[in-house]
Amino acid sequence: MKDVSRISPDSYTVDQLFLDRPGNDAIQLNLLHNYQSNLALYDGWHEFFRNKQPKTLIVWGKNDPFFTIEGAQAYLRDIPNAELHLLDTGHFALEDSCEFIAQQIVRFFA
């Protein structure tokens, strides 16, 4: 994130409120471990992309430590006409690039 002052304290305060609910730690760990089940679906998703070529806008934070640039670019293998924007931001791209992202969504899907 380029400008941390753009993150509203409301955003992370509300997020933390929900994360701190009793039993939520077990739910989050279960989701993390269950993520492996997604891998079995990847081939089907990619087949859909190759066969249907959906109109696709990809807006990605190039400094995201979780979802890397390579992950964004991988979509282009199956959807070569997809539009990719790599923004100079991280995982929370909407926090500091919401105006640009909103403009791209309106323009792309109008």
N, C-alpha and C. Protein backbone atom coordinates (compact mmCIF):
# COMPACT_ATOMS: atom_id res chain seq x y z
N MET A 1 0.84 -1.17 0.00
CA MET A 1 0.00 0.00 0.00
C MET A 1 0.89 1.23 0.00
N LYS A 2 0.59 2.14 -0.91
CA LYS A 2 1.39 3.34 -1.03
C LYS A 2 1.09 4.37 0.06
N ASP A 3 -0.16 4.51 0.42
CA ASP A 3 -0.55 5.55 1.36
C ASP A 3 -1.45 4.94 2.43
N VAL A 4 -0.86 4.56 3.55
CA VAL A 4 -1.63 3.89 4.61
C VAL A 4 -2.67 4.82 5.24
N SER A 5 -2.54 6.12 5.04
CA SER A 5 -3.54 7.05 5.59
C SER A 5 -4.89 6.89 4.89
N ARG A 6 -4.90 6.22 3.73
CA ARG A 6 -6.15 6.01 3.01
C ARG A 6 -6.96 4.85 3.58
N ILE A 7 -6.38 4.10 4.50
CA ILE A 7 -7.12 3.00 5.12
C ILE A 7 -7.93 3.56 6.28
N SER A 8 -9.22 3.47 6.18
CA SER A 8 -10.09 3.93 7.26
C SER A 8 -9.92 3.02 8.47
N PRO A 9 -9.75 3.60 9.66
CA PRO A 9 -9.70 2.76 10.87
C PRO A 9 -10.96 1.91 11.03
N ASP A 10 -12.08 2.40 10.49
CA ASP A 10 -13.32 1.62 10.55
C ASP A 10 -13.14 0.27 9.87
N SER A 11 -12.39 0.26 8.78
CA SER A 11 -12.21 -0.96 8.00
C SER A 11 -11.57 -2.06 8.83
N TYR A 12 -10.41 -1.79 9.39
CA TYR A 12 -9.72 -2.84 10.14
C TYR A 12 -10.32 -3.06 11.52
N THR A 13 -10.98 -2.05 12.08
CA THR A 13 -11.63 -2.23 13.38
C THR A 13 -12.81 -3.19 13.26
N VAL A 14 -13.62 -3.01 12.24
CA VAL A 14 -14.76 -3.91 12.02
C VAL A 14 -14.26 -5.30 11.64
N ASP A 15 -13.25 -5.38 10.78
CA ASP A 15 -12.68 -6.69 10.44
C ASP A 15 -12.22 -7.42 11.70
N GLN A 16 -11.50 -6.71 12.57
CA GLN A 16 -10.98 -7.34 13.78
C GLN A 16 -12.11 -7.75 14.72
N LEU A 17 -13.16 -6.94 14.78
CA LEU A 17 -14.31 -7.28 15.61
C LEU A 17 -14.86 -8.66 15.21
N PHE A 18 -15.01 -8.87 13.91
CA PHE A 18 -15.54 -10.15 13.44
C PHE A 18 -14.52 -11.28 13.60
N LEU A 19 -13.25 -10.98 13.42
CA LEU A 19 -12.22 -12.01 13.62
C LEU A 19 -12.14 -12.46 15.07
N ASP A 20 -12.44 -11.57 16.00
CA ASP A 20 -12.33 -11.87 17.42
C ASP A 20 -13.54 -12.61 18.00
N ARG A 21 -14.55 -12.88 17.20
CA ARG A 21 -15.72 -13.60 17.72
C ARG A 21 -15.30 -14.96 18.28
N PRO A 22 -15.93 -15.39 19.36
CA PRO A 22 -15.61 -16.71 19.92
C PRO A 22 -15.79 -17.82 18.88
N GLY A 23 -14.79 -18.68 18.77
CA GLY A 23 -14.85 -19.80 17.84
C GLY A 23 -14.39 -19.48 16.44
N ASN A 24 -14.18 -18.19 16.14
CA ASN A 24 -13.79 -17.82 14.78
C ASN A 24 -12.39 -18.32 14.43
N ASP A 25 -11.50 -18.45 15.40
CA ASP A 25 -10.16 -18.95 15.11
C ASP A 25 -10.24 -20.34 14.49
N ALA A 26 -11.13 -21.19 15.02
CA ALA A 26 -11.29 -22.54 14.47
C ALA A 26 -11.90 -22.49 13.07
N ILE A 27 -12.83 -21.57 12.86
CA ILE A 27 -13.44 -21.42 11.53
C ILE A 27 -12.38 -21.01 10.51
N GLN A 28 -11.55 -20.04 10.86
CA GLN A 28 -10.52 -19.57 9.94
C GLN A 28 -9.50 -20.67 9.63
N LEU A 29 -9.12 -21.44 10.64
CA LEU A 29 -8.19 -22.55 10.40
C LEU A 29 -8.82 -23.61 9.51
N ASN A 30 -10.10 -23.88 9.71
CA ASN A 30 -10.81 -24.84 8.87
C ASN A 30 -10.83 -24.37 7.42
N LEU A 31 -11.10 -23.08 7.21
CA LEU A 31 -11.09 -22.53 5.85
C LEU A 31 -9.71 -22.66 5.22
N LEU A 32 -8.68 -22.38 6.00
CA LEU A 32 -7.31 -22.48 5.50
C LEU A 32 -7.00 -23.92 5.07
N HIS A 33 -7.35 -24.87 5.91
CA HIS A 33 -7.08 -26.28 5.57
C HIS A 33 -7.97 -26.77 4.44
N ASN A 34 -9.18 -26.22 4.34
CA ASN A 34 -10.11 -26.63 3.29
C ASN A 34 -9.72 -26.06 1.92
N TYR A 35 -8.85 -25.07 1.92
CA TYR A 35 -8.43 -24.47 0.65
C TYR A 35 -7.90 -25.51 -0.31
N GLN A 36 -7.31 -26.56 0.20
CA GLN A 36 -6.78 -27.63 -0.66
C GLN A 36 -7.87 -28.22 -1.55
N SER A 37 -9.11 -28.21 -1.09
CA SER A 37 -10.19 -28.77 -1.91
C SER A 37 -10.42 -27.94 -3.17
N ASN A 38 -10.02 -26.67 -3.15
CA ASN A 38 -10.15 -25.83 -4.35
C ASN A 38 -9.26 -26.34 -5.49
N LEU A 39 -8.11 -26.87 -5.14
CA LEU A 39 -7.16 -27.31 -6.16
C LEU A 39 -7.77 -28.33 -7.10
N ALA A 40 -8.62 -29.19 -6.58
CA ALA A 40 -9.26 -30.21 -7.42
C ALA A 40 -10.21 -29.58 -8.44
N LEU A 41 -10.63 -28.36 -8.22
CA LEU A 41 -11.57 -27.68 -9.13
C LEU A 41 -10.87 -26.86 -10.21
N TYR A 42 -9.57 -26.61 -10.06
CA TYR A 42 -8.85 -25.72 -10.97
C TYR A 42 -8.95 -26.16 -12.43
N ASP A 43 -8.78 -27.43 -12.70
CA ASP A 43 -8.84 -27.89 -14.10
C ASP A 43 -10.18 -27.55 -14.73
N GLY A 44 -11.25 -27.74 -13.99
CA GLY A 44 -12.58 -27.41 -14.50
C GLY A 44 -12.76 -25.94 -14.75
N TRP A 45 -12.24 -25.11 -13.85
CA TRP A 45 -12.33 -23.67 -14.05
C TRP A 45 -11.56 -23.24 -15.29
N HIS A 46 -10.36 -23.79 -15.44
CA HIS A 46 -9.55 -23.40 -16.59
C HIS A 46 -10.18 -23.90 -17.90
N GLU A 47 -10.80 -25.06 -17.85
CA GLU A 47 -11.50 -25.55 -19.04
C GLU A 47 -12.64 -24.61 -19.41
N PHE A 48 -13.38 -24.15 -18.42
CA PHE A 48 -14.45 -23.18 -18.66
C PHE A 48 -13.88 -21.91 -19.30
N PHE A 49 -12.79 -21.40 -18.75
CA PHE A 49 -12.17 -20.19 -19.31
C PHE A 49 -11.77 -20.40 -20.76
N ARG A 50 -11.13 -21.53 -21.05
CA ARG A 50 -10.68 -21.80 -22.42
C ARG A 50 -11.86 -21.93 -23.38
N ASN A 51 -12.91 -22.61 -22.95
CA ASN A 51 -14.05 -22.88 -23.83
C ASN A 51 -14.99 -21.69 -23.99
N LYS A 52 -15.22 -20.96 -22.94
CA LYS A 52 -16.22 -19.88 -22.96
C LYS A 52 -15.64 -18.50 -23.20
N GLN A 53 -14.37 -18.31 -22.92
CA GLN A 53 -13.70 -17.02 -23.10
C GLN A 53 -14.55 -15.86 -22.54
N PRO A 54 -14.87 -15.91 -21.24
CA PRO A 54 -15.70 -14.83 -20.68
C PRO A 54 -14.96 -13.50 -20.72
N LYS A 55 -15.73 -12.44 -20.91
CA LYS A 55 -15.16 -11.10 -20.86
C LYS A 55 -14.60 -10.92 -19.45
N THR A 56 -13.31 -10.63 -19.35
CA THR A 56 -12.65 -10.65 -18.05
C THR A 56 -11.78 -9.43 -17.83
N LEU A 57 -12.02 -8.76 -16.71
CA LEU A 57 -11.21 -7.64 -16.25
C LEU A 57 -10.46 -8.12 -15.02
N ILE A 58 -9.15 -7.99 -15.05
CA ILE A 58 -8.30 -8.39 -13.92
C ILE A 58 -7.60 -7.14 -13.40
N VAL A 59 -7.89 -6.78 -12.17
CA VAL A 59 -7.24 -5.64 -11.52
C VAL A 59 -6.56 -6.21 -10.29
N TRP A 60 -5.24 -6.07 -10.23
CA TRP A 60 -4.42 -6.84 -9.30
C TRP A 60 -3.38 -5.95 -8.64
N GLY A 61 -3.19 -6.11 -7.36
CA GLY A 61 -2.10 -5.41 -6.67
C GLY A 61 -0.79 -6.14 -6.91
N LYS A 62 0.14 -5.50 -7.60
CA LYS A 62 1.39 -6.20 -7.96
C LYS A 62 2.30 -6.45 -6.76
N ASN A 63 1.99 -5.85 -5.62
CA ASN A 63 2.78 -6.08 -4.41
C ASN A 63 2.07 -6.97 -3.40
N ASP A 64 1.05 -7.68 -3.86
CA ASP A 64 0.28 -8.56 -2.98
C ASP A 64 1.12 -9.78 -2.63
N PRO A 65 1.39 -10.01 -1.35
CA PRO A 65 2.23 -11.16 -0.98
C PRO A 65 1.49 -12.50 -1.07
N PHE A 66 0.16 -12.45 -1.16
CA PHE A 66 -0.64 -13.69 -1.18
C PHE A 66 -1.01 -14.10 -2.59
N PHE A 67 -1.44 -13.14 -3.40
CA PHE A 67 -1.84 -13.39 -4.78
C PHE A 67 -0.83 -12.69 -5.68
N THR A 68 0.10 -13.44 -6.18
CA THR A 68 1.27 -12.89 -6.88
C THR A 68 0.95 -12.47 -8.32
N ILE A 69 1.86 -11.71 -8.89
CA ILE A 69 1.73 -11.28 -10.28
C ILE A 69 1.57 -12.49 -11.20
N GLU A 70 2.32 -13.54 -10.92
CA GLU A 70 2.23 -14.75 -11.75
C GLU A 70 0.81 -15.32 -11.74
N GLY A 71 0.14 -15.20 -10.63
CA GLY A 71 -1.24 -15.67 -10.55
C GLY A 71 -2.16 -14.85 -11.44
N ALA A 72 -1.95 -13.55 -11.48
CA ALA A 72 -2.75 -12.68 -12.35
C ALA A 72 -2.48 -13.00 -13.81
N GLN A 73 -1.21 -13.13 -14.16
CA GLN A 73 -0.83 -13.39 -15.54
C GLN A 73 -1.28 -14.77 -16.02
N ALA A 74 -1.45 -15.70 -15.10
CA ALA A 74 -1.87 -17.06 -15.47
C ALA A 74 -3.25 -17.06 -16.13
N TYR A 75 -4.11 -16.13 -15.75
CA TYR A 75 -5.43 -16.05 -16.39
C TYR A 75 -5.30 -15.80 -17.89
N LEU A 76 -4.27 -15.06 -18.28
CA LEU A 76 -4.10 -14.72 -19.70
C LEU A 76 -3.78 -15.93 -20.57
N ARG A 77 -3.29 -17.01 -19.98
CA ARG A 77 -3.04 -18.22 -20.76
C ARG A 77 -4.34 -18.81 -21.29
N ASP A 78 -5.39 -18.77 -20.47
CA ASP A 78 -6.67 -19.34 -20.87
C ASP A 78 -7.64 -18.30 -21.42
N ILE A 79 -7.45 -17.05 -21.07
CA ILE A 79 -8.32 -15.97 -21.53
C ILE A 79 -7.41 -14.87 -22.11
N PRO A 80 -6.85 -15.12 -23.29
CA PRO A 80 -5.85 -14.18 -23.82
C PRO A 80 -6.39 -12.77 -24.08
N ASN A 81 -7.69 -12.62 -24.24
CA ASN A 81 -8.25 -11.29 -24.47
C ASN A 81 -8.67 -10.59 -23.18
N ALA A 82 -8.37 -11.19 -22.04
CA ALA A 82 -8.67 -10.55 -20.77
C ALA A 82 -7.84 -9.27 -20.65
N GLU A 83 -8.36 -8.33 -19.92
CA GLU A 83 -7.65 -7.07 -19.70
C GLU A 83 -7.05 -7.11 -18.30
N LEU A 84 -5.73 -6.95 -18.22
CA LEU A 84 -5.02 -7.04 -16.95
C LEU A 84 -4.42 -5.69 -16.58
N HIS A 85 -4.69 -5.27 -15.35
CA HIS A 85 -4.08 -4.05 -14.80
C HIS A 85 -3.34 -4.45 -13.53
N LEU A 86 -2.04 -4.26 -13.52
CA LEU A 86 -1.22 -4.50 -12.33
C LEU A 86 -0.98 -3.15 -11.66
N LEU A 87 -1.57 -2.98 -10.49
CA LEU A 87 -1.49 -1.70 -9.79
C LEU A 87 -0.35 -1.71 -8.78
N ASP A 88 0.19 -0.53 -8.54
CA ASP A 88 1.27 -0.38 -7.56
C ASP A 88 0.66 -0.33 -6.16
N THR A 89 0.15 -1.47 -5.75
CA THR A 89 -0.48 -1.60 -4.45
C THR A 89 -0.34 -3.05 -4.01
N GLY A 90 -0.97 -3.39 -2.90
CA GLY A 90 -0.85 -4.75 -2.37
C GLY A 90 -2.17 -5.48 -2.33
N HIS A 91 -2.37 -6.24 -1.26
CA HIS A 91 -3.54 -7.11 -1.13
C HIS A 91 -4.84 -6.32 -1.04
N PHE A 92 -4.80 -5.14 -0.45
CA PHE A 92 -6.01 -4.34 -0.26
C PHE A 92 -6.07 -3.21 -1.29
N ALA A 93 -6.09 -3.59 -2.54
CA ALA A 93 -6.05 -2.62 -3.64
C ALA A 93 -7.21 -1.62 -3.58
N LEU A 94 -8.37 -2.07 -3.15
CA LEU A 94 -9.52 -1.16 -3.10
C LEU A 94 -9.32 -0.04 -2.09
N GLU A 95 -8.49 -0.26 -1.09
CA GLU A 95 -8.28 0.76 -0.07
C GLU A 95 -7.57 2.00 -0.63
N ASP A 96 -6.65 1.81 -1.56
CA ASP A 96 -5.94 2.99 -2.07
C ASP A 96 -6.09 3.20 -3.57
N SER A 97 -6.83 2.35 -4.24
CA SER A 97 -6.99 2.48 -5.70
C SER A 97 -8.45 2.35 -6.11
N CYS A 98 -9.37 2.64 -5.18
CA CYS A 98 -10.78 2.39 -5.47
C CYS A 98 -11.30 3.23 -6.64
N GLU A 99 -10.84 4.46 -6.78
CA GLU A 99 -11.33 5.30 -7.87
C GLU A 99 -10.94 4.69 -9.22
N PHE A 100 -9.68 4.30 -9.35
CA PHE A 100 -9.22 3.70 -10.60
C PHE A 100 -9.97 2.40 -10.89
N ILE A 101 -10.10 1.56 -9.87
CA ILE A 101 -10.76 0.27 -10.05
C ILE A 101 -12.22 0.48 -10.46
N ALA A 102 -12.91 1.39 -9.79
CA ALA A 102 -14.31 1.67 -10.13
C ALA A 102 -14.42 2.18 -11.57
N GLN A 103 -13.52 3.06 -11.98
CA GLN A 103 -13.54 3.55 -13.36
C GLN A 103 -13.34 2.42 -14.36
N GLN A 104 -12.44 1.50 -14.04
CA GLN A 104 -12.19 0.37 -14.96
C GLN A 104 -13.40 -0.55 -15.05
N ILE A 105 -14.07 -0.79 -13.94
CA ILE A 105 -15.25 -1.65 -13.95
C ILE A 105 -16.35 -1.01 -14.80
N VAL A 106 -16.60 0.26 -14.57
CA VAL A 106 -17.66 0.96 -15.32
C VAL A 106 -17.32 0.98 -16.81
N ARG A 107 -16.07 1.32 -17.14
CA ARG A 107 -15.67 1.38 -18.54
C ARG A 107 -15.75 -0.01 -19.20
N PHE A 108 -15.24 -1.02 -18.52
CA PHE A 108 -15.12 -2.35 -19.11
C PHE A 108 -16.48 -3.01 -19.33
N PHE A 109 -17.38 -2.85 -18.38
CA PHE A 109 -18.65 -3.55 -18.46
C PHE A 109 -19.80 -2.68 -18.96
N ALA A 110 -19.52 -1.42 -19.32
CA ALA A 110 -20.58 -0.54 -19.83
C ALA A 110 -21.03 -0.96 -21.21
